[in-house]
Every structure is written in C-alpha cells, then in structure tokens.
Protein backbone atom coordinates (compact mmCIF):
# COMPACT_ATOMS: atom_id res chain seq x y z
CA MET A 1 36.04 -60.35 173.74
CA LEU A 2 32.54 -59.53 173.36
CA ASP A 3 33.30 -55.93 174.30
CA ARG A 4 36.06 -55.43 171.68
CA TRP A 5 33.91 -56.98 168.89
CA LEU A 6 30.97 -54.80 169.27
CA PRO A 7 32.73 -51.36 168.58
CA MET A 8 33.84 -52.93 165.49
CA VAL A 9 30.66 -54.14 164.17
CA THR A 10 29.21 -50.78 165.00
CA ILE A 11 32.06 -48.67 163.08
CA ASP A 12 31.86 -51.08 160.19
CA MET A 13 28.05 -50.36 159.87
CA ILE A 14 28.44 -46.80 160.17
CA ARG A 15 31.13 -46.81 157.58
CA LYS A 16 28.98 -48.95 155.09
CA SER A 17 25.98 -46.61 155.80
CA PHE A 18 28.10 -43.68 154.83
CA VAL A 19 29.11 -45.09 151.83
CA ALA A 20 25.68 -46.03 150.67
CA ARG A 21 24.41 -42.52 151.26
CA LYS A 22 27.47 -41.20 149.37
CA VAL A 23 26.52 -43.60 146.36
CA VAL A 24 22.69 -42.60 146.43
CA ILE A 25 23.53 -38.83 146.66
CA TYR A 26 26.06 -39.27 143.62
CA GLU A 27 23.31 -41.03 141.64
CA MET A 28 20.77 -38.37 142.46
CA CYS A 29 23.21 -35.38 141.17
CA SER A 30 24.02 -37.42 137.94
CA VAL A 31 20.44 -37.82 137.04
CA PHE A 32 19.67 -34.52 138.06
CA PHE A 33 22.29 -32.68 135.89
CA SER A 34 21.56 -35.03 133.16
CA LEU A 35 17.96 -33.92 133.02
CA CYS A 36 18.85 -30.38 133.21
CA LEU A 37 21.36 -30.66 130.32
CA GLU A 38 18.57 -32.00 128.02
CA MET A 39 16.34 -28.81 128.72
CA GLU A 40 16.61 -25.85 126.70
CA ASP A 41 17.97 -22.56 128.00
CA PHE A 42 19.42 -24.27 131.14
CA ASN A 43 20.77 -21.99 133.91
CA ILE A 44 22.65 -23.00 137.03
CA ASP A 45 21.14 -21.49 140.10
CA THR A 46 24.13 -20.86 142.24
CA MET A 47 22.25 -19.06 144.78
CA GLY A 48 19.60 -21.80 145.47
CA THR A 49 19.58 -24.82 147.66
CA TYR A 50 18.54 -28.35 147.43
CA HIS A 51 18.69 -29.42 150.94
CA GLY A 52 16.01 -31.36 152.08
CA LEU A 53 14.43 -32.14 148.70
CA THR A 54 13.87 -35.49 147.04
CA LEU A 55 15.15 -35.90 143.31
CA LYS A 56 11.53 -36.04 142.07
CA SER A 57 10.65 -32.62 143.66
CA VAL A 58 13.80 -31.00 142.36
CA THR A 59 13.31 -32.39 138.74
CA GLU A 60 9.73 -31.01 138.82
CA SER A 61 10.74 -27.68 139.92
CA VAL A 62 13.08 -27.29 137.31
CA ALA A 63 10.74 -28.44 134.70
CA SER A 64 7.82 -26.16 135.83
CA LYS A 65 10.51 -23.33 135.69
CA GLN A 66 11.48 -24.09 132.14
CA LEU A 67 7.89 -23.98 130.93
CA ALA A 68 7.19 -20.80 132.66
CA GLN A 69 9.99 -19.25 130.93
CA HIS A 70 8.62 -20.29 127.51
CA GLU A 71 4.88 -19.46 128.17
CA PRO A 72 5.35 -15.48 127.97
CA ALA A 73 7.12 -15.97 124.62
CA ILE A 74 4.26 -17.84 123.26
CA SER A 75 1.70 -15.30 124.64
CA ARG A 76 3.57 -12.38 123.08
CA GLN A 77 3.47 -13.82 119.61
CA PRO A 78 0.68 -11.52 117.48
CA VAL A 79 -2.43 -13.53 116.84
CA ASN A 80 -3.86 -12.63 113.37
CA LYS A 81 -7.53 -12.16 113.74
CA PRO A 82 -9.70 -12.55 110.77
CA THR A 83 -11.10 -9.23 109.56
CA PRO A 84 -14.72 -9.07 108.97
CA VAL A 85 -15.69 -8.71 105.37
CA ALA A 86 -17.41 -5.55 105.85
CA GLN A 87 -14.35 -3.77 106.95
CA GLN A 88 -11.98 -5.35 104.46
CA GLN A 89 -11.04 -2.59 101.72
CA GLN A 90 -12.52 -3.76 98.51
CA THR A 91 -11.86 -2.37 95.19
CA PRO A 92 -15.00 -1.02 93.50
CA ALA A 93 -15.79 -2.88 90.30
CA MET A 94 -15.83 -1.02 86.93
CA LYS A 95 -19.25 -0.57 86.03
CA GLU A 96 -19.99 -1.49 82.14
CA SER A 97 -21.01 1.19 79.81
CA ARG A 98 -24.50 1.25 78.22
CA VAL A 99 -23.62 3.58 75.63
CA PRO A 100 -24.32 2.28 72.21
CA ILE A 101 -21.63 2.67 69.51
CA ILE A 102 -22.13 3.31 65.87
CA ILE A 103 -18.93 2.76 63.59
CA VAL A 104 -18.63 4.84 60.34
CA PRO A 105 -16.21 4.60 57.54
CA ALA A 106 -12.73 6.30 57.94
CA THR A 107 -12.35 7.19 54.43
CA LEU A 108 -13.04 10.68 53.46
CA SER A 109 -14.72 9.73 50.16
CA SER A 110 -17.55 8.00 52.13
CA VAL A 111 -20.96 10.14 52.22
CA ILE A 112 -20.87 9.83 55.92
CA THR A 113 -17.87 10.08 58.53
CA VAL A 114 -17.07 10.99 61.80
CA HIS A 115 -16.87 14.52 60.55
CA ASN A 116 -20.68 15.03 59.70
CA ALA A 117 -22.38 12.16 61.44
CA VAL A 118 -23.61 14.27 64.36
CA ASP A 119 -25.13 16.64 61.95
CA PHE A 120 -26.91 13.99 59.91
CA LEU A 121 -28.07 11.80 62.87
CA GLN A 122 -28.75 14.30 65.65
CA ASP A 123 -29.67 17.52 63.79
CA TYR A 124 -31.34 15.80 60.76
CA LYS A 125 -29.38 17.61 58.33
CA TYR A 126 -26.79 16.49 56.11
CA VAL A 127 -23.41 18.65 55.52
CA SER A 128 -20.75 17.36 53.31
CA VAL A 129 -17.34 16.05 54.64
CA GLU A 130 -15.75 18.78 52.39
CA ASP A 131 -17.76 21.51 54.29
CA LYS A 132 -17.11 20.04 57.64
CA LYS A 133 -13.38 19.74 57.17
CA SER A 134 -13.04 23.38 56.05
CA CYS A 135 -14.68 24.54 59.46
CA SER A 136 -12.79 22.11 61.63
CA ARG A 137 -9.05 22.26 62.21
CA LYS A 138 -9.07 19.19 64.47
CA ARG A 139 -9.93 15.78 63.47
CA GLU A 140 -11.90 13.86 65.80
CA SER A 141 -11.61 10.01 65.95
CA ASP A 142 -14.74 9.68 68.00
CA VAL A 143 -17.67 11.90 68.96
CA LEU A 144 -20.75 11.79 71.12
CA LEU A 145 -24.40 12.00 69.72
CA GLN A 146 -27.08 13.31 71.84
CA ARG A 147 -30.26 11.82 70.39
CA LYS A 148 -33.67 13.40 71.43
CA LYS A 149 -36.66 11.11 71.49
CA PRO A 150 -40.05 10.85 73.02
CA ASP A 151 -39.94 9.41 76.47
CA ILE A 152 -42.37 6.20 76.38
CA SER A 153 -42.72 6.45 80.32
CA HIS A 154 -43.78 10.12 80.28
CA PRO A 155 -46.03 10.86 77.24
CA GLY A 156 -45.40 14.38 75.88
CA GLN A 157 -41.86 14.60 77.33
CA MET A 158 -38.59 14.31 75.60
CA ILE A 159 -35.36 12.43 76.86
CA THR A 160 -31.77 12.45 75.51
CA VAL A 161 -30.00 9.20 74.72
CA PRO A 162 -26.18 9.15 73.89
CA TYR A 163 -24.55 7.36 71.36
CA GLN A 164 -20.79 7.16 70.58
CA ILE A 165 -19.52 7.46 66.97
CA LEU A 166 -16.07 6.35 65.90
CA ASP A 167 -14.19 5.23 62.90
CA ASN A 168 -11.40 3.43 64.40
CA PRO A 169 -12.68 0.13 65.74
CA SER A 170 -9.18 -1.19 66.32
CA ARG A 171 -9.04 0.25 69.63
CA LEU A 172 -12.16 -1.51 70.95
CA SER A 173 -12.01 -4.00 73.52
CA LEU A 174 -13.96 -7.09 73.82
CA ILE A 175 -16.28 -5.49 76.12
CA ASP A 176 -16.54 -2.45 73.81
CA TRP A 177 -17.75 -4.79 70.94
CA LYS A 178 -20.77 -5.68 73.04
CA ARG A 179 -21.85 -2.12 72.58
CA VAL A 180 -21.53 -1.85 68.66
CA VAL A 181 -25.11 -1.68 67.45
CA ALA A 182 -24.74 -0.36 63.72
CA VAL A 183 -22.14 0.27 61.10
CA PHE A 184 -22.20 2.56 58.05
CA VAL A 185 -20.51 0.62 55.18
CA ALA A 186 -18.64 2.17 52.46
CA GLY A 187 -18.36 -1.01 50.13
CA PRO A 188 -14.87 -2.30 50.15
CA THR A 189 -14.27 -5.35 52.56
CA TRP A 190 -11.11 -3.94 53.73
CA GLN A 191 -13.27 -1.61 56.15
CA PHE A 192 -13.79 -4.87 58.03
CA LYS A 193 -10.26 -6.21 58.48
CA GLY A 194 -9.57 -7.19 61.86
CA TRP A 195 -13.28 -7.25 62.97
CA PRO A 196 -14.92 -10.00 65.10
CA TRP A 197 -17.14 -12.51 63.18
CA THR A 198 -15.34 -12.03 59.92
CA VAL A 199 -15.52 -15.22 58.11
CA LYS A 200 -12.65 -16.73 56.02
CA GLY A 201 -11.80 -14.81 52.92
CA GLY A 202 -12.61 -11.30 54.59
CA SER A 203 -16.32 -11.61 53.88
CA PRO A 204 -18.44 -9.42 56.61
CA ALA A 205 -21.48 -11.45 56.13
CA ASP A 206 -21.60 -12.84 59.84
CA ILE A 207 -20.95 -9.36 60.88
CA PHE A 208 -24.51 -8.16 59.89
CA THR A 209 -26.10 -10.88 62.13
CA LYS A 210 -24.41 -9.42 65.13
CA ILE A 211 -24.43 -5.69 64.09
CA LYS A 212 -26.95 -3.72 61.90
CA GLY A 213 -25.44 -2.45 58.70
CA PHE A 214 -26.52 0.57 56.93
CA HIS A 215 -25.26 2.31 53.56
CA LEU A 216 -26.07 5.89 53.06
CA LYS A 217 -25.91 7.08 49.31
CA PHE A 218 -27.20 9.96 47.04
CA THR A 219 -30.20 9.44 45.07
CA GLY A 220 -29.48 8.37 41.69
CA SER A 221 -25.68 7.10 42.35
CA LYS A 222 -24.66 3.52 41.46
CA LEU A 223 -25.15 1.20 44.38
CA GLU A 224 -21.82 -0.45 45.44
CA ALA A 225 -21.45 -4.20 44.27
CA ASN A 226 -20.52 -5.46 47.77
CA VAL A 227 -23.35 -3.67 49.22
CA GLN A 228 -25.81 -5.42 46.96
CA THR A 229 -24.90 -8.68 48.44
CA TRP A 230 -24.80 -7.50 51.90
CA ASP A 231 -28.05 -7.62 54.41
CA VAL A 232 -27.74 -4.03 55.19
CA GLN A 233 -30.26 -1.19 55.05
CA VAL A 234 -29.64 1.25 52.15
CA LEU A 235 -30.52 5.00 53.11
CA GLU A 236 -30.79 7.64 50.23
CA ILE A 237 -30.48 11.43 50.51
CA SER A 238 -30.84 14.04 47.80
CA SER A 239 -27.82 15.91 46.95
CA THR A 240 -29.59 19.31 47.01
CA LYS A 241 -33.01 18.83 48.87
CA ARG A 242 -31.89 19.15 52.61
CA HIS A 243 -35.50 19.31 53.66
CA LEU A 244 -35.68 15.66 52.93
CA ASP A 245 -32.82 14.84 55.11
CA LYS A 246 -35.14 13.89 58.24
CA ALA A 247 -37.13 11.18 56.46
CA SER A 248 -34.06 9.25 55.92
CA VAL A 249 -32.79 9.86 59.49
CA LEU A 250 -35.92 8.71 60.99
CA LYS A 251 -35.75 5.74 58.94
CA PHE A 252 -32.45 5.01 60.37
CA TRP A 253 -33.41 5.35 64.02
CA ASP A 254 -36.74 3.21 63.39
CA THR A 255 -34.72 0.42 61.91
CA LEU A 256 -31.98 0.56 64.50
CA ASP A 257 -34.37 0.75 67.47
CA LYS A 258 -36.02 -2.50 66.29
CA PHE A 259 -32.84 -4.34 65.72
CA MET A 260 -31.66 -3.21 69.44
CA VAL A 261 -34.88 -4.43 70.88
CA LYS A 262 -34.39 -7.85 69.78
CA ASN A 263 -30.44 -8.08 69.96
CA CYS A 264 -29.29 -5.42 72.61
CA PRO A 265 -31.48 -5.03 75.59
CA HIS A 266 -28.59 -4.65 77.88
CA LEU A 267 -27.89 -1.18 76.41
CA ARG A 268 -29.73 2.17 76.67
CA PHE A 269 -31.63 3.56 73.84
C-alpha cells in the first residue's frame, strides 16, 4: 500500500512544481515585455538569449542599452559657446561732425547769400550777388568756407578752420542743428519758418538765444523794422569802398568767436 502511495505523491509534487515554474516564467515574461513597450525606440533582439538571467538583470540591461542609444544623440547637438566681446563684429559708430554751420538767406535780394558768402567771410572782400550769379552757372545750396586764423597754441603760425554755409536749413537733422552757430537775417519772419525754438506767432526771438544773429547792410540804407527789435549784430559795408570790407568781416569773426566760446565749446573754431 505504501509502495503504491509514494510514487503518486512524487508525481503530484513534480506536477505542481512544474506548474509553479510555468507561472513564474509567464509572469516574468509579462513584466519584461510591459517594461520594454514603455521604453522609446524598443527593438526586439531576436538573436539574443535570456537563459540564466533574472528579471532584474534583464530589465537593467535593457534600460542601460536604451540610455546608451540616447547619449550619442545628445552629444551630437551643437553647443553655442559665447563669443568673446573682442571677437564680435561691431559697427563703428558715426562720429559727429564738429564743423560749425552758418545760415544765410535764400532770397537773392539779400546783401549776402550762398553765392558771395565765401568771398566776403573768407577773402574779406564783398562781391555783389548779381556779379557772382553772372560768373557761376551752377547754384550751390551750401559751400565750405576755409577760415585762416592765428594759431593760439603756436604763436606766429596760422591754422585753417572749416565752416559750412547753407541757405536751406530744412534739410538739417536734429544733430546738425547743434552745429548751427550763426544766421544772417534778411528781415522777414518767414525766413525762420519751420526752425526750432520759434515761438508762437512765428517770432524768432528765442532763436537768437541759441544762435548768434547778424544783419549785413550797406551804409546809409534803411534798417529793416524787424531787425531793430531782434537781438542781432548789425554789420555795415560801403557800396563802393572795398578796402573797408575787412573791418566788418573781422568784427563778424570776433563777435562769433566770443559767442562760440560761451555756447559752442563742442565745435571746432
């Protein structure tokens, strides 16, 4: 009786043990494939084997392979290193001009215009506007005056200082207006239309606190009514005696230099 019962017990234990192993293996495979499906870029290794490995070792191996696949991609990404300031290409800033500007009337009836300003202020000789027009075919809207003056730093020597003369101030920028140091007035207020510092009603009274005003007239001629009320320096020249022109020009430069010392030290003069 005992002999027949023992084989049955043994067979039953073997059967249960086999079933238990199948369940464990099945659970291991289920967990394994679930983990793999949750990972990106999952590839089934058909040539490999998992014989003799535990579930923990298998999952850790797969995770490490996935991490290794992503590492080269990260390292291949370009890294933008900051460029040293010295190596950066910088646009050179525009240097502001220090050449003073003198504005003259645009009307041809004025005693001084852009036509004869250089002859008078640079060469100390007055030439009528009519004579200059007959000699010149092209009308210039601005000219460059080269003023010769004693060099204070080197006694006995002369230096040349440029001045820009123009009759169309509407094309001046806000930066250019900082270089305007003098204006020759003709008399009518419309000469200052559109100018900065013009007060309500078109009066240029405030202009002459920023810019030095001058009025050139022939000796004996009537002074304009507006000029009498404006803070401007009146210069007189003879209609026939050209040797007296230099005295008026020197008075002009002396008055302008004093004004610029006080109000325009940023300019060259």
